C-alpha cells in the first residue's frame, strides 16, 4: 500500500479514487448511502490510563513498489480507462439546489423514469430519489463522460418498482417536497411555511402528456431506490424524509439495475438518438406565491 501511495501520486489521484470506487462496488454490493445514525456515547474505560502512540512515515520515492498491490490494481485499469469515454453531450449546466434538487435532480429522475418505461412501458407514472444521494453539486456544459455519472451517483443504490395507491403517492410526494428531493412524472404546487420550509399544496400526475388528478383509490406504479425503501429510521429529520410508505406498497419488485447504470444507459440512448442532454426546469415544482409567507423559491 505504501507503493500505491508513491507510485500513483499527483494528477492520477482522480483516476485512483474512481478505481477504488470500482473495487468497493465489486466487492461490497451493500455499498449504499450511509443512513443517519444516533450519536453513540463514548465508551467507558473504567478509569484505565490509556496511552496512544503516533508515528509518522514520509511518503517519497525512497519507498519501493509493492508488486502485490500493482497486480491487484492492474485488473481494474481497463475499467478505469473506460470511465473517460464520452457518452453524451450536455447543453447547459446541471446544478443541484432548491426544491426538487434543481436541474440535476430533474436530470436523474428523468433518466430513472425513461429507463423504467423502456423496460415496463408507460405504466410507470413516477420516479423519486433523494437529493442527498446526488454527490455532485454541478456538471458543466460540454462532454459527458462515464466518470461524471460515477461521481454523481457513487452508491450501489438499486432501482425498485412499487405499486402504490393514489393516497400513498400523495404521502410520498409530501416527503419529496418537504425534504427538497427529486421527482419526475408529477406537477406539484407547494407553499413555504412560516419557517420557510416547503410543503405540498397539490399534485397531479403527467400521464400521456396530460396533467391528471391523483385518484386516492387507484394504483400507480412508482420507481425509486432501495435506500429509501429500506431506511430503518422514521424519525423526523431536516435532511432525510420518512419514506416508510414505500414498504406498504401492494407490490415491490427490484429491477436488478442500479440507478447509476440506468442513468449511464439513459445518456447513451439519448446520444444514439441524436439528442443532447439539456438543462430541464419544466415547472414540475411550482411555488404558490399567493399562499406562502416567504416566496423565495419559485420554479424548478
C-alpha atoms as a PDB file:
ATOM      1  CA  UNK A   1       0.000   0.000   0.000  1.00  0.00           C
ATOM      2  CA  UNK A   2       3.000   2.297   0.530  1.00  0.00           C
ATOM      3  CA  UNK A   3       3.971   1.810  -3.088  1.00  0.00           C
ATOM      4  CA  UNK A   4       0.444   2.554  -4.119  1.00  0.00           C
ATOM      5  CA  UNK A   5       0.715   5.953  -2.431  1.00  0.00           C
ATOM      6  CA  UNK A   6       4.060   6.740  -4.011  1.00  0.00           C
ATOM      7  CA  UNK A   7       3.508   5.455  -7.498  1.00  0.00           C
ATOM      8  CA  UNK A   8       0.072   6.906  -8.066  1.00  0.00           C
ATOM      9  CA  UNK A   9       0.526  10.377  -6.635  1.00  0.00           C
ATOM     10  CA  UNK A  10      -0.019  13.674  -8.406  1.00  0.00           C
ATOM     11  CA  UNK A  11      -2.507  14.033 -11.226  1.00  0.00           C
ATOM     12  CA  UNK A  12      -3.561  10.359 -11.156  1.00  0.00           C
ATOM     13  CA  UNK A  13      -5.462  10.683  -7.870  1.00  0.00           C
ATOM     14  CA  UNK A  14      -8.870  11.272  -9.557  1.00  0.00           C
ATOM     15  CA  UNK A  15      -8.476   8.029 -11.540  1.00  0.00           C
ATOM     16  CA  UNK A  16      -7.441   6.107  -8.450  1.00  0.00           C
ATOM     17  CA  UNK A  17     -10.383   7.374  -6.450  1.00  0.00           C
ATOM     18  CA  UNK A  18     -12.691   6.072  -9.156  1.00  0.00           C
ATOM     19  CA  UNK A  19     -10.719   2.831  -9.293  1.00  0.00           C
ATOM     20  CA  UNK A  20     -11.184   2.317  -5.574  1.00  0.00           C
ATOM     21  CA  UNK A  21     -14.886   3.017  -6.050  1.00  0.00           C
ATOM     22  CA  UNK A  22     -14.986   0.171  -8.577  1.00  0.00           C
ATOM     23  CA  UNK A  23     -13.153  -2.119  -6.168  1.00  0.00           C
ATOM     24  CA  UNK A  24     -15.635  -1.413  -3.389  1.00  0.00           C
ATOM     25  CA  UNK A  25     -18.598  -1.670  -5.742  1.00  0.00           C
ATOM     26  CA  UNK A  26     -17.478  -5.095  -6.925  1.00  0.00           C
ATOM     27  CA  UNK A  27     -16.556  -6.422  -3.530  1.00  0.00           C
ATOM     28  CA  UNK A  28     -19.371  -4.970  -1.440  1.00  0.00           C
ATOM     29  CA  UNK A  29     -22.858  -4.860  -3.032  1.00  0.00           C
ATOM     30  CA  UNK A  30     -24.152  -3.202   0.139  1.00  0.00           C
ATOM     31  CA  UNK A  31     -22.089  -0.067  -0.542  1.00  0.00           C
ATOM     32  CA  UNK A  32     -25.092   2.213  -0.306  1.00  0.00           C
ATOM     33  CA  UNK A  33     -25.846   5.615   1.092  1.00  0.00           C
ATOM     34  CA  UNK A  34     -24.997   5.823   4.795  1.00  0.00           C
ATOM     35  CA  UNK A  35     -28.131   6.350   6.863  1.00  0.00           C
ATOM     36  CA  UNK A  36     -28.150   8.936   9.620  1.00  0.00           C
ATOM     37  CA  UNK A  37     -27.401   7.256  12.952  1.00  0.00           C
ATOM     38  CA  UNK A  38     -27.819   8.479  16.510  1.00  0.00           C
ATOM     39  CA  UNK A  39     -24.585   9.605  18.126  1.00  0.00           C
ATOM     40  CA  UNK A  40     -23.126   6.891  20.340  1.00  0.00           C
ATOM     41  CA  UNK A  41     -21.941   7.637  23.826  1.00  0.00           C
ATOM     42  CA  UNK A  42     -18.173   7.408  24.394  1.00  0.00           C
ATOM     43  CA  UNK A  43     -17.025   4.002  25.602  1.00  0.00           C
ATOM     44  CA  UNK A  44     -16.377   3.772  29.304  1.00  0.00           C
ATOM     45  CA  UNK A  45     -12.805   2.943  30.228  1.00  0.00           C
ATOM     46  CA  UNK A  46     -13.380   2.321  33.934  1.00  0.00           C
ATOM     47  CA  UNK A  47     -10.724   4.884  34.823  1.00  0.00           C
ATOM     48  CA  UNK A  48      -7.981   2.999  32.973  1.00  0.00           C
ATOM     49  CA  UNK A  49      -4.973   5.025  31.893  1.00  0.00           C
ATOM     50  CA  UNK A  50      -4.914   4.904  28.066  1.00  0.00           C
ATOM     51  CA  UNK A  51      -1.709   5.694  26.164  1.00  0.00           C
ATOM     52  CA  UNK A  52      -1.634   6.275  22.410  1.00  0.00           C
ATOM     53  CA  UNK A  53       1.451   6.072  20.238  1.00  0.00           C
ATOM     54  CA  UNK A  54       1.642   8.043  16.997  1.00  0.00           C
ATOM     55  CA  UNK A  55       4.243   7.502  14.303  1.00  0.00           C
ATOM     56  CA  UNK A  56       4.841   9.391  11.062  1.00  0.00           C
ATOM     57  CA  UNK A  57       6.125   7.996   7.775  1.00  0.00           C
ATOM     58  CA  UNK A  58       7.434  10.184   4.968  1.00  0.00           C
ATOM     59  CA  UNK A  59       5.919   9.128   1.634  1.00  0.00           C
ATOM     60  CA  UNK A  60       8.514   9.724  -1.075  1.00  0.00           C
ATOM     61  CA  UNK A  61      10.495   7.990  -3.834  1.00  0.00           C
ATOM     62  CA  UNK A  62      12.529   6.002  -1.316  1.00  0.00           C
ATOM     63  CA  UNK A  63       9.611   3.594  -0.762  1.00  0.00           C
ATOM     64  CA  UNK A  64       9.763   0.662  -3.158  1.00  0.00           C
ATOM     65  CA  UNK A  65       6.855  -0.581  -5.257  1.00  0.00           C
ATOM     66  CA  UNK A  66       4.542  -3.200  -3.816  1.00  0.00           C
ATOM     67  CA  UNK A  67       4.097  -5.771  -6.587  1.00  0.00           C
ATOM     68  CA  UNK A  68       1.048  -7.339  -4.937  1.00  0.00           C
ATOM     69  CA  UNK A  69      -0.795  -4.017  -4.949  1.00  0.00           C
ATOM     70  CA  UNK A  70       0.276  -3.299  -8.537  1.00  0.00           C
ATOM     71  CA  UNK A  71      -1.033  -6.709  -9.604  1.00  0.00           C
ATOM     72  CA  UNK A  72      -4.364  -6.129  -7.880  1.00  0.00           C
ATOM     73  CA  UNK A  73      -4.831  -2.704  -9.478  1.00  0.00           C
ATOM     74  CA  UNK A  74      -3.865  -3.919 -12.949  1.00  0.00           C
ATOM     75  CA  UNK A  75      -7.123  -5.851 -13.254  1.00  0.00           C
ATOM     76  CA  UNK A  76      -9.142  -2.666 -12.789  1.00  0.00           C
ATOM     77  CA  UNK A  77      -7.059  -0.419 -15.039  1.00  0.00           C
ATOM     78  CA  UNK A  78      -9.064  -1.093 -18.250  1.00  0.00           C
ATOM     79  CA  UNK A  79     -12.334  -0.264 -16.496  1.00  0.00           C
ATOM     80  CA  UNK A  80     -10.857   2.950 -15.106  1.00  0.00           C
ATOM     81  CA  UNK A  81      -9.804   3.980 -18.607  1.00  0.00           C
ATOM     82  CA  UNK A  82     -13.372   3.378 -19.795  1.00  0.00           C
ATOM     83  CA  UNK A  83     -14.574   6.000 -17.352  1.00  0.00           C
ATOM     84  CA  UNK A  84     -13.024   8.652 -19.601  1.00  0.00           C
ATOM     85  CA  UNK A  85     -15.194   7.567 -22.550  1.00  0.00           C
ATOM     86  CA  UNK A  86     -17.513  10.303 -23.777  1.00  0.00           C
ATOM     87  CA  UNK A  87     -21.113   9.041 -23.593  1.00  0.00           C
ATOM     88  CA  UNK A  88     -23.020  12.218 -24.419  1.00  0.00           C
ATOM     89  CA  UNK A  89     -23.103  15.980 -24.635  1.00  0.00           C
ATOM     90  CA  UNK A  90     -24.610  18.341 -22.098  1.00  0.00           C
ATOM     91  CA  UNK A  91     -26.166  21.560 -23.331  1.00  0.00           C
ATOM     92  CA  UNK A  92     -26.234  23.988 -20.419  1.00  0.00           C
ATOM     93  CA  UNK A  93     -25.122  23.397 -16.855  1.00  0.00           C
ATOM     94  CA  UNK A  94     -26.791  20.935 -14.494  1.00  0.00           C
ATOM     95  CA  UNK A  95     -26.927  22.231 -10.927  1.00  0.00           C
ATOM     96  CA  UNK A  96     -28.354  20.937  -7.641  1.00  0.00           C
ATOM     97  CA  UNK A  97     -30.293  23.264  -5.401  1.00  0.00           C
ATOM     98  CA  UNK A  98     -33.711  24.253  -4.121  1.00  0.00           C
ATOM     99  CA  UNK A  99     -36.919  22.251  -4.110  1.00  0.00           C
ATOM    100  CA  UNK A 100     -36.540  19.196  -6.347  1.00  0.00           C
ATOM    101  CA  UNK A 101     -32.708  19.357  -6.291  1.00  0.00           C
ATOM    102  CA  UNK A 102     -32.671  21.669  -9.308  1.00  0.00           C
ATOM    103  CA  UNK A 103     -31.865  20.695 -12.878  1.00  0.00           C
ATOM    104  CA  UNK A 104     -29.526  17.963 -11.609  1.00  0.00           C
ATOM    105  CA  UNK A 105     -32.390  16.291  -9.745  1.00  0.00           C
ATOM    106  CA  UNK A 106     -34.589  16.629 -12.819  1.00  0.00           C
ATOM    107  CA  UNK A 107     -31.914  15.003 -14.999  1.00  0.00           C
ATOM    108  CA  UNK A 108     -31.539  11.973 -12.726  1.00  0.00           C
ATOM    109  CA  UNK A 109     -35.256  11.346 -12.210  1.00  0.00           C
ATOM    110  CA  UNK A 110     -35.967  11.913 -15.924  1.00  0.00           C
ATOM    111  CA  UNK A 111     -33.427   9.175 -16.623  1.00  0.00           C
ATOM    112  CA  UNK A 112     -34.938   6.884 -13.995  1.00  0.00           C
ATOM    113  CA  UNK A 113     -38.415   7.351 -15.468  1.00  0.00           C
ATOM    114  CA  UNK A 114     -37.269   6.932 -19.076  1.00  0.00           C
ATOM    115  CA  UNK A 115     -35.325   3.738 -18.396  1.00  0.00           C
ATOM    116  CA  UNK A 116     -38.129   2.263 -16.293  1.00  0.00           C
ATOM    117  CA  UNK A 117     -40.686   2.983 -19.009  1.00  0.00           C
ATOM    118  CA  UNK A 118     -38.390   1.460 -21.623  1.00  0.00           C
ATOM    119  CA  UNK A 119     -38.425  -1.747 -19.585  1.00  0.00           C
ATOM    120  CA  UNK A 120     -42.003  -1.780 -18.232  1.00  0.00           C
ATOM    121  CA  UNK A 121     -43.956   0.502 -20.544  1.00  0.00           C
ATOM    122  CA  UNK A 122     -45.793   3.721 -19.754  1.00  0.00           C
ATOM    123  CA  UNK A 123     -47.438   2.136 -16.715  1.00  0.00           C
ATOM    124  CA  UNK A 124     -44.639   3.728 -14.654  1.00  0.00           C
ATOM    125  CA  UNK A 125     -46.081   7.045 -13.546  1.00  0.00           C
ATOM    126  CA  UNK A 126     -43.495   8.498 -11.188  1.00  0.00           C
ATOM    127  CA  UNK A 127     -39.775   8.368 -10.322  1.00  0.00           C
ATOM    128  CA  UNK A 128     -38.403   9.571  -6.982  1.00  0.00           C
ATOM    129  CA  UNK A 129     -34.938   9.814  -5.455  1.00  0.00           C
ATOM    130  CA  UNK A 130     -33.336  11.793  -2.654  1.00  0.00           C
ATOM    131  CA  UNK A 131     -31.222  14.891  -3.164  1.00  0.00           C
ATOM    132  CA  UNK A 132     -28.667  13.601  -0.660  1.00  0.00           C
ATOM    133  CA  UNK A 133     -27.731  10.756  -2.991  1.00  0.00           C
ATOM    134  CA  UNK A 134     -26.594  13.214  -5.673  1.00  0.00           C
ATOM    135  CA  UNK A 135     -22.952  13.747  -4.762  1.00  0.00           C
ATOM    136  CA  UNK A 136     -22.033  16.434  -7.286  1.00  0.00           C
ATOM    137  CA  UNK A 137     -23.416  19.927  -6.987  1.00  0.00           C
ATOM    138  CA  UNK A 138     -22.977  20.713 -10.667  1.00  0.00           C
ATOM    139  CA  UNK A 139     -21.971  19.271 -14.037  1.00  0.00           C
ATOM    140  CA  UNK A 140     -20.625  21.794 -16.527  1.00  0.00           C
ATOM    141  CA  UNK A 141     -21.764  22.137 -20.127  1.00  0.00           C
ATOM    142  CA  UNK A 142     -19.865  20.043 -22.636  1.00  0.00           C
ATOM    143  CA  UNK A 143     -18.878  16.407 -22.975  1.00  0.00           C
ATOM    144  CA  UNK A 144     -20.443  13.933 -20.572  1.00  0.00           C
ATOM    145  CA  UNK A 145     -18.209  11.073 -19.505  1.00  0.00           C
ATOM    146  CA  UNK A 146     -18.940   7.954 -17.501  1.00  0.00           C
ATOM    147  CA  UNK A 147     -16.842   9.350 -14.667  1.00  0.00           C
ATOM    148  CA  UNK A 148     -19.322  12.248 -14.348  1.00  0.00           C
ATOM    149  CA  UNK A 149     -22.105   9.780 -13.578  1.00  0.00           C
ATOM    150  CA  UNK A 150     -19.913   7.740 -11.216  1.00  0.00           C
ATOM    151  CA  UNK A 151     -19.040  10.896  -9.290  1.00  0.00           C
ATOM    152  CA  UNK A 152     -22.681  11.992  -9.243  1.00  0.00           C
ATOM    153  CA  UNK A 153     -24.039   8.587  -8.174  1.00  0.00           C
ATOM    154  CA  UNK A 154     -21.277   6.723  -6.305  1.00  0.00           C
ATOM    155  CA  UNK A 155     -23.556   4.433  -4.272  1.00  0.00           C
ATOM    156  CA  UNK A 156     -24.794   0.986  -5.267  1.00  0.00           C
ATOM    157  CA  UNK A 157     -28.455   2.001  -4.970  1.00  0.00           C
ATOM    158  CA  UNK A 158     -30.787  -0.277  -6.927  1.00  0.00           C
ATOM    159  CA  UNK A 159     -33.973   0.767  -8.674  1.00  0.00           C
ATOM    160  CA  UNK A 160     -37.142  -0.769  -7.242  1.00  0.00           C
ATOM    161  CA  UNK A 161     -40.697  -0.693  -8.597  1.00  0.00           C
ATOM    162  CA  UNK A 162     -43.601  -0.065  -6.212  1.00  0.00           C
ATOM    163  CA  UNK A 163     -47.348  -0.318  -6.775  1.00  0.00           C
ATOM    164  CA  UNK A 164     -48.863   2.415  -4.589  1.00  0.00           C
ATOM    165  CA  UNK A 165     -52.377   3.696  -4.112  1.00  0.00           C
ATOM    166  CA  UNK A 166     -53.064   7.299  -5.023  1.00  0.00           C
ATOM    167  CA  UNK A 167     -53.292   8.133  -1.318  1.00  0.00           C
ATOM    168  CA  UNK A 168     -49.829   6.622  -0.800  1.00  0.00           C
ATOM    169  CA  UNK A 169     -48.462   8.559  -3.769  1.00  0.00           C
ATOM    170  CA  UNK A 170     -49.611  11.803  -2.137  1.00  0.00           C
ATOM    171  CA  UNK A 171     -47.923  10.767   1.125  1.00  0.00           C
ATOM    172  CA  UNK A 172     -44.757  10.039  -0.854  1.00  0.00           C
ATOM    173  CA  UNK A 173     -44.841  13.415  -2.599  1.00  0.00           C
ATOM    174  CA  UNK A 174     -45.262  15.227   0.725  1.00  0.00           C
ATOM    175  CA  UNK A 175     -41.874  13.825   1.739  1.00  0.00           C
ATOM    176  CA  UNK A 176     -40.358  14.701  -1.622  1.00  0.00           C
ATOM    177  CA  UNK A 177     -41.407  18.344  -1.304  1.00  0.00           C
ATOM    178  CA  UNK A 178     -40.649  18.878   2.381  1.00  0.00           C
ATOM    179  CA  UNK A 179     -37.096  17.494   2.010  1.00  0.00           C
ATOM    180  CA  UNK A 180     -36.394  19.085  -1.390  1.00  0.00           C
ATOM    181  CA  UNK A 181     -35.933  15.692  -3.042  1.00  0.00           C
ATOM    182  CA  UNK A 182     -36.288  14.957  -6.752  1.00  0.00           C
ATOM    183  CA  UNK A 183     -39.104  13.512  -8.851  1.00  0.00           C
ATOM    184  CA  UNK A 184     -40.230  13.092 -12.441  1.00  0.00           C
ATOM    185  CA  UNK A 185     -43.795  12.449 -13.539  1.00  0.00           C
ATOM    186  CA  UNK A 186     -45.723  14.848 -11.297  1.00  0.00           C
ATOM    187  CA  UNK A 187     -46.666  18.507 -11.449  1.00  0.00           C
ATOM    188  CA  UNK A 188     -46.512  19.905  -7.942  1.00  0.00           C
ATOM    189  CA  UNK A 189     -47.625  23.124  -6.303  1.00  0.00           C
ATOM    190  CA  UNK A 190     -46.169  23.910  -2.897  1.00  0.00           C
ATOM    191  CA  UNK A 191     -46.080  26.636  -0.289  1.00  0.00           C
ATOM    192  CA  UNK A 192     -43.390  27.723   2.139  1.00  0.00           C
ATOM    193  CA  UNK A 193     -44.487  27.621   5.761  1.00  0.00           C
ATOM    194  CA  UNK A 194     -43.662  30.234   8.393  1.00  0.00           C
ATOM    195  CA  UNK A 195     -40.231  28.622   8.843  1.00  0.00           C
ATOM    196  CA  UNK A 196     -39.562  28.781   5.090  1.00  0.00           C
ATOM    197  CA  UNK A 197     -39.926  25.003   4.707  1.00  0.00           C
ATOM    198  CA  UNK A 198     -41.686  23.813   1.542  1.00  0.00           C
ATOM    199  CA  UNK A 199     -44.952  21.915   1.989  1.00  0.00           C
ATOM    200  CA  UNK A 200     -47.056  20.127  -0.601  1.00  0.00           C
ATOM    201  CA  UNK A 201     -50.165  22.075  -1.629  1.00  0.00           C
ATOM    202  CA  UNK A 202     -51.380  19.945  -4.558  1.00  0.00           C
ATOM    203  CA  UNK A 203     -50.100  17.403  -7.063  1.00  0.00           C
ATOM    204  CA  UNK A 204     -51.129  15.933 -10.380  1.00  0.00           C
ATOM    205  CA  UNK A 205     -49.535  13.171 -12.443  1.00  0.00           C
ATOM    206  CA  UNK A 206     -48.433  13.790 -16.002  1.00  0.00           C
ATOM    207  CA  UNK A 207     -49.964  10.847 -17.883  1.00  0.00           C
ATOM    208  CA  UNK A 208     -49.823  10.608 -21.680  1.00  0.00           C
ATOM    209  CA  UNK A 209     -48.746  14.243 -21.803  1.00  0.00           C
ATOM    210  CA  UNK A 210     -51.696  15.499 -19.765  1.00  0.00           C
ATOM    211  CA  UNK A 211     -51.964  16.511 -16.125  1.00  0.00           C
ATOM    212  CA  UNK A 212     -54.435  14.284 -14.294  1.00  0.00           C
ATOM    213  CA  UNK A 213     -55.756  14.316 -10.752  1.00  0.00           C
ATOM    214  CA  UNK A 214     -54.451  11.596  -8.466  1.00  0.00           C
ATOM    215  CA  UNK A 215     -57.214   9.148  -7.602  1.00  0.00           C
ATOM    216  CA  UNK A 216     -56.658   8.085  -3.949  1.00  0.00           C
ATOM    217  CA  UNK A 217     -58.134   4.641  -4.629  1.00  0.00           C
ATOM    218  CA  UNK A 218     -56.309   3.928  -7.895  1.00  0.00           C
ATOM    219  CA  UNK A 219     -52.989   2.067  -8.158  1.00  0.00           C
ATOM    220  CA  UNK A 220     -49.912   3.743  -9.644  1.00  0.00           C
ATOM    221  CA  UNK A 221     -46.507   2.292 -10.444  1.00  0.00           C
ATOM    222  CA  UNK A 222     -43.608   4.227  -8.941  1.00  0.00           C
ATOM    223  CA  UNK A 223     -39.858   3.696  -9.259  1.00  0.00           C
ATOM    224  CA  UNK A 224     -37.449   4.702  -6.505  1.00  0.00           C
ATOM    225  CA  UNK A 225     -34.251   3.385  -4.892  1.00  0.00           C
ATOM    226  CA  UNK A 226     -33.794   0.622  -2.359  1.00  0.00           C
ATOM    227  CA  UNK A 227     -32.063   3.010   0.052  1.00  0.00           C
ATOM    228  CA  UNK A 228     -35.282   4.974   0.613  1.00  0.00           C
ATOM    229  CA  UNK A 229     -37.309   1.772   0.858  1.00  0.00           C
ATOM    230  CA  UNK A 230     -35.017   0.089   3.398  1.00  0.00           C
ATOM    231  CA  UNK A 231     -34.186   3.062   5.595  1.00  0.00           C
ATOM    232  CA  UNK A 232     -34.963   1.959   9.138  1.00  0.00           C
ATOM    233  CA  UNK A 233     -35.207   5.442  10.654  1.00  0.00           C
ATOM    234  CA  UNK A 234     -38.647   7.033  10.758  1.00  0.00           C
ATOM    235  CA  UNK A 235     -37.548   9.950  12.935  1.00  0.00           C
ATOM    236  CA  UNK A 236     -38.300  13.387  11.514  1.00  0.00           C
ATOM    237  CA  UNK A 237     -35.130  14.880  10.043  1.00  0.00           C
ATOM    238  CA  UNK A 238     -34.240  18.115   8.285  1.00  0.00           C
ATOM    239  CA  UNK A 239     -32.176  16.234   5.717  1.00  0.00           C
ATOM    240  CA  UNK A 240     -33.852  12.855   5.255  1.00  0.00           C
ATOM    241  CA  UNK A 241     -37.509  12.174   4.586  1.00  0.00           C
ATOM    242  CA  UNK A 242     -39.606   9.389   6.063  1.00  0.00           C
ATOM    243  CA  UNK A 243     -40.216   7.126   3.069  1.00  0.00           C
ATOM    244  CA  UNK A 244     -41.695   4.257   5.050  1.00  0.00           C
ATOM    245  CA  UNK A 245     -44.813   4.449   2.841  1.00  0.00           C
ATOM    246  CA  UNK A 246     -42.816   2.515   0.216  1.00  0.00           C
ATOM    247  CA  UNK A 247     -42.722  -0.560   2.442  1.00  0.00           C
ATOM    248  CA  UNK A 248     -46.546  -0.617   2.415  1.00  0.00           C
ATOM    249  CA  UNK A 249     -46.802  -0.905  -1.381  1.00  0.00           C
ATOM    250  CA  UNK A 250     -49.154  -3.521  -2.836  1.00  0.00           C
ATOM    251  CA  UNK A 251     -46.259  -4.895  -4.879  1.00  0.00           C
ATOM    252  CA  UNK A 252     -42.491  -4.404  -4.546  1.00  0.00           C
ATOM    253  CA  UNK A 253     -40.193  -5.619  -7.302  1.00  0.00           C
ATOM    254  CA  UNK A 254     -36.435  -4.913  -7.566  1.00  0.00           C
ATOM    255  CA  UNK A 255     -35.409  -4.086 -11.120  1.00  0.00           C
ATOM    256  CA  UNK A 256     -31.928  -5.603 -10.990  1.00  0.00           C
ATOM    257  CA  UNK A 257     -30.427  -2.298 -12.148  1.00  0.00           C
ATOM    258  CA  UNK A 258     -28.551   0.351 -10.190  1.00  0.00           C
ATOM    259  CA  UNK A 259     -29.550   3.977 -10.513  1.00  0.00           C
ATOM    260  CA  UNK A 260     -26.074   4.760 -11.855  1.00  0.00           C
ATOM    261  CA  UNK A 261     -26.273   2.141 -14.615  1.00  0.00           C
ATOM    262  CA  UNK A 262     -29.735   3.396 -15.531  1.00  0.00           C
ATOM    263  CA  UNK A 263     -28.516   6.978 -15.939  1.00  0.00           C
ATOM    264  CA  UNK A 264     -25.458   5.924 -17.955  1.00  0.00           C
ATOM    265  CA  UNK A 265     -27.714   3.929 -20.295  1.00  0.00           C
ATOM    266  CA  UNK A 266     -30.154   6.847 -20.492  1.00  0.00           C
ATOM    267  CA  UNK A 267     -27.395   9.239 -21.617  1.00  0.00           C
ATOM    268  CA  UNK A 268     -26.132   6.720 -24.179  1.00  0.00           C
ATOM    269  CA  UNK A 269     -29.656   6.172 -25.512  1.00  0.00           C
ATOM    270  CA  UNK A 270     -30.238   9.909 -25.894  1.00  0.00           C
ATOM    271  CA  UNK A 271     -26.907  10.233 -27.691  1.00  0.00           C
ATOM    272  CA  UNK A 272     -27.725   7.342 -30.034  1.00  0.00           C
ATOM    273  CA  UNK A 273     -30.993   9.105 -30.874  1.00  0.00           C
ATOM    274  CA  UNK A 274     -29.077  12.284 -31.763  1.00  0.00           C
ATOM    275  CA  UNK A 275     -30.220  14.230 -28.696  1.00  0.00           C
ATOM    276  CA  UNK A 276     -28.138  16.243 -26.247  1.00  0.00           C
ATOM    277  CA  UNK A 277     -28.828  16.228 -22.520  1.00  0.00           C
ATOM    278  CA  UNK A 278     -30.405  19.590 -21.731  1.00  0.00           C
ATOM    279  CA  UNK A 279     -30.999  21.622 -18.617  1.00  0.00           C
ATOM    280  CA  UNK A 280     -34.650  20.962 -17.868  1.00  0.00           C
ATOM    281  CA  UNK A 281     -36.512  23.250 -15.485  1.00  0.00           C
ATOM    282  CA  UNK A 282     -40.003  22.449 -16.699  1.00  0.00           C
ATOM    283  CA  UNK A 283     -42.170  23.680 -13.856  1.00  0.00           C
ATOM    284  CA  UNK A 284     -42.612  20.305 -12.145  1.00  0.00           C
ATOM    285  CA  UNK A 285     -42.319  22.195  -8.832  1.00  0.00           C
ATOM    286  CA  UNK A 286     -44.210  25.494  -8.687  1.00  0.00           C
ATOM    287  CA  UNK A 287     -44.403  27.781  -5.667  1.00  0.00           C
ATOM    288  CA  UNK A 288     -47.852  29.183  -4.911  1.00  0.00           C
ATOM    289  CA  UNK A 289     -46.752  32.732  -4.115  1.00  0.00           C
ATOM    290  CA  UNK A 290     -50.237  33.812  -3.142  1.00  0.00           C
ATOM    291  CA  UNK A 291     -50.368  31.332  -0.259  1.00  0.00           C
ATOM    292  CA  UNK A 292     -46.824  31.401   1.100  1.00  0.00           C
ATOM    293  CA  UNK A 293     -45.313  33.894   3.537  1.00  0.00           C
ATOM    294  CA  UNK A 294     -41.773  33.504   2.101  1.00  0.00           C
ATOM    295  CA  UNK A 295     -41.889  33.208  -1.719  1.00  0.00           C
ATOM    296  CA  UNK A 296     -38.160  32.715  -2.285  1.00  0.00           C
ATOM    297  CA  UNK A 297     -38.117  29.584  -4.456  1.00  0.00           C
ATOM    298  CA  UNK A 298     -40.449  29.712  -7.406  1.00  0.00           C
ATOM    299  CA  UNK A 299     -39.760  27.242 -10.226  1.00  0.00           C
ATOM    300  CA  UNK A 300     -37.800  24.005 -10.675  1.00  0.00           C
END
